[in-house]
Amino acid sequence: MAEKILNSYETIFIIDATLDEETVTALKDKFTTLIEQNGELESVDEWGKRRLAYEINDRTEGFYYLVNFKADSEFPKELERQYKITEGILRTIVIRKDEE
């Protein structure tokens, strides 16, 4: 059986700052667990509450998280789908990093 090739990715997601602390933590845990189940979680950087560059859905602040992980090429599509259907997520991006 062929070994699956894992690509390196990073994702940044912004959680609505008007949510309570428990909900913010639950959302962060939901996505880090999803990544762990479908790949290799390398690091999670909590940038904390920051002012947004521009208003998103009448919000001016959000909690920023940067996650580095390895996964097969199909997983980022599923991760983006999960972001889109989850209430409380303001913005996301998933980027494939070049191998060094």
Protein backbone atom coordinates (compact mmCIF):
# COMPACT_ATOMS: atom_id res chain seq x y z
CA MET A 1 0.00 0.00 0.00
CA ALA A 2 1.34 3.43 -0.94
CA GLU A 3 2.22 5.82 1.85
CA LYS A 4 0.09 8.96 2.01
CA ILE A 5 1.98 12.13 1.19
CA LEU A 6 1.45 14.81 3.81
CA ASN A 7 1.74 18.45 2.81
CA SER A 8 2.53 21.28 5.22
CA TYR A 9 -0.23 23.84 5.79
CA GLU A 10 -0.99 26.77 8.00
CA THR A 11 -4.39 28.15 8.81
CA ILE A 12 -5.45 31.32 10.53
CA PHE A 13 -8.95 31.67 11.89
CA ILE A 14 -10.59 34.58 13.67
CA ILE A 15 -13.29 33.95 16.27
CA ASP A 16 -15.90 36.59 17.12
CA ALA A 17 -14.72 38.54 20.21
CA THR A 18 -18.29 39.08 21.45
CA LEU A 19 -18.58 35.37 22.34
CA ASP A 20 -17.92 34.25 25.90
CA GLU A 21 -14.58 32.67 26.82
CA GLU A 22 -15.99 29.12 27.01
CA THR A 23 -17.40 29.33 23.48
CA VAL A 24 -14.14 30.73 22.08
CA THR A 25 -12.16 27.91 23.72
CA ALA A 26 -14.68 25.32 22.47
CA LEU A 27 -14.37 26.60 18.88
CA LYS A 28 -10.56 26.58 19.05
CA ASP A 29 -10.62 23.04 20.46
CA LYS A 30 -13.09 21.91 17.78
CA PHE A 31 -10.75 22.92 14.97
CA THR A 32 -7.51 21.74 16.58
CA THR A 33 -9.14 18.35 17.28
CA LEU A 34 -10.43 18.16 13.70
CA ILE A 35 -6.89 18.82 12.42
CA GLU A 36 -5.40 16.23 14.81
CA GLN A 37 -7.88 13.60 13.62
CA ASN A 38 -7.06 14.21 9.95
CA GLY A 39 -3.36 14.99 10.03
CA GLU A 40 -0.45 15.98 12.25
CA LEU A 41 -0.87 19.07 14.41
CA GLU A 42 2.48 20.86 14.60
CA SER A 43 1.75 24.06 16.54
CA VAL A 44 -1.06 26.33 17.72
CA ASP A 45 -0.27 30.01 18.29
CA GLU A 46 -2.88 32.01 20.16
CA TRP A 47 -2.44 35.63 19.12
CA GLY A 48 -5.24 36.67 21.44
CA LYS A 49 -7.82 39.41 21.03
CA ARG A 50 -6.91 41.92 18.34
CA ARG A 51 -8.50 44.76 16.48
CA LEU A 52 -9.62 43.80 12.97
CA ALA A 53 -8.19 45.73 10.02
CA TYR A 54 -11.77 46.44 8.94
CA GLU A 55 -15.25 45.63 10.26
CA ILE A 56 -16.56 42.14 9.58
CA ASN A 57 -20.27 41.61 10.28
CA ASP A 58 -20.28 44.80 12.42
CA ARG A 59 -17.45 43.39 14.58
CA THR A 60 -14.20 45.31 15.22
CA GLU A 61 -12.30 42.70 17.29
CA GLY A 62 -11.60 39.00 17.12
CA PHE A 63 -9.52 36.22 18.67
CA TYR A 64 -6.77 35.15 16.26
CA TYR A 65 -5.33 31.61 16.05
CA LEU A 66 -2.50 30.38 13.80
CA VAL A 67 -2.24 26.59 13.38
CA ASN A 68 0.54 24.75 11.53
CA PHE A 69 -0.21 21.18 10.49
CA LYS A 70 0.49 18.42 7.99
CA ALA A 71 -2.30 16.63 6.14
CA ASP A 72 -3.12 15.02 2.82
CA SER A 73 -4.25 17.24 -0.03
CA GLU A 74 -7.98 16.54 0.48
CA PHE A 75 -8.26 17.73 4.09
CA PRO A 76 -7.99 21.54 3.58
CA LYS A 77 -11.22 21.51 1.54
CA GLU A 78 -13.03 19.81 4.42
CA LEU A 79 -11.47 22.21 6.96
CA GLU A 80 -12.68 25.21 4.94
CA ARG A 81 -16.15 23.67 4.69
CA GLN A 82 -16.27 23.25 8.48
CA TYR A 83 -15.16 26.86 8.98
CA LYS A 84 -17.94 28.13 6.71
CA ILE A 85 -20.73 26.26 8.49
CA THR A 86 -19.56 27.16 12.01
CA GLU A 87 -21.19 30.12 13.70
CA GLY A 88 -18.76 32.50 15.40
CA ILE A 89 -15.95 32.22 12.84
CA LEU A 90 -15.36 35.63 11.23
CA ARG A 91 -12.53 34.91 8.76
CA THR A 92 -10.26 32.03 7.81
CA ILE A 93 -7.45 31.17 5.45
CA VAL A 94 -5.69 27.88 4.73
CA ILE A 95 -2.32 28.06 2.96
CA ARG A 96 -0.11 25.27 1.70
CA LYS A 97 3.46 25.98 2.72
CA ASP A 98 6.37 25.21 0.41
CA GLU A 99 8.64 22.40 1.53
CA GLU A 100 12.07 23.67 2.48
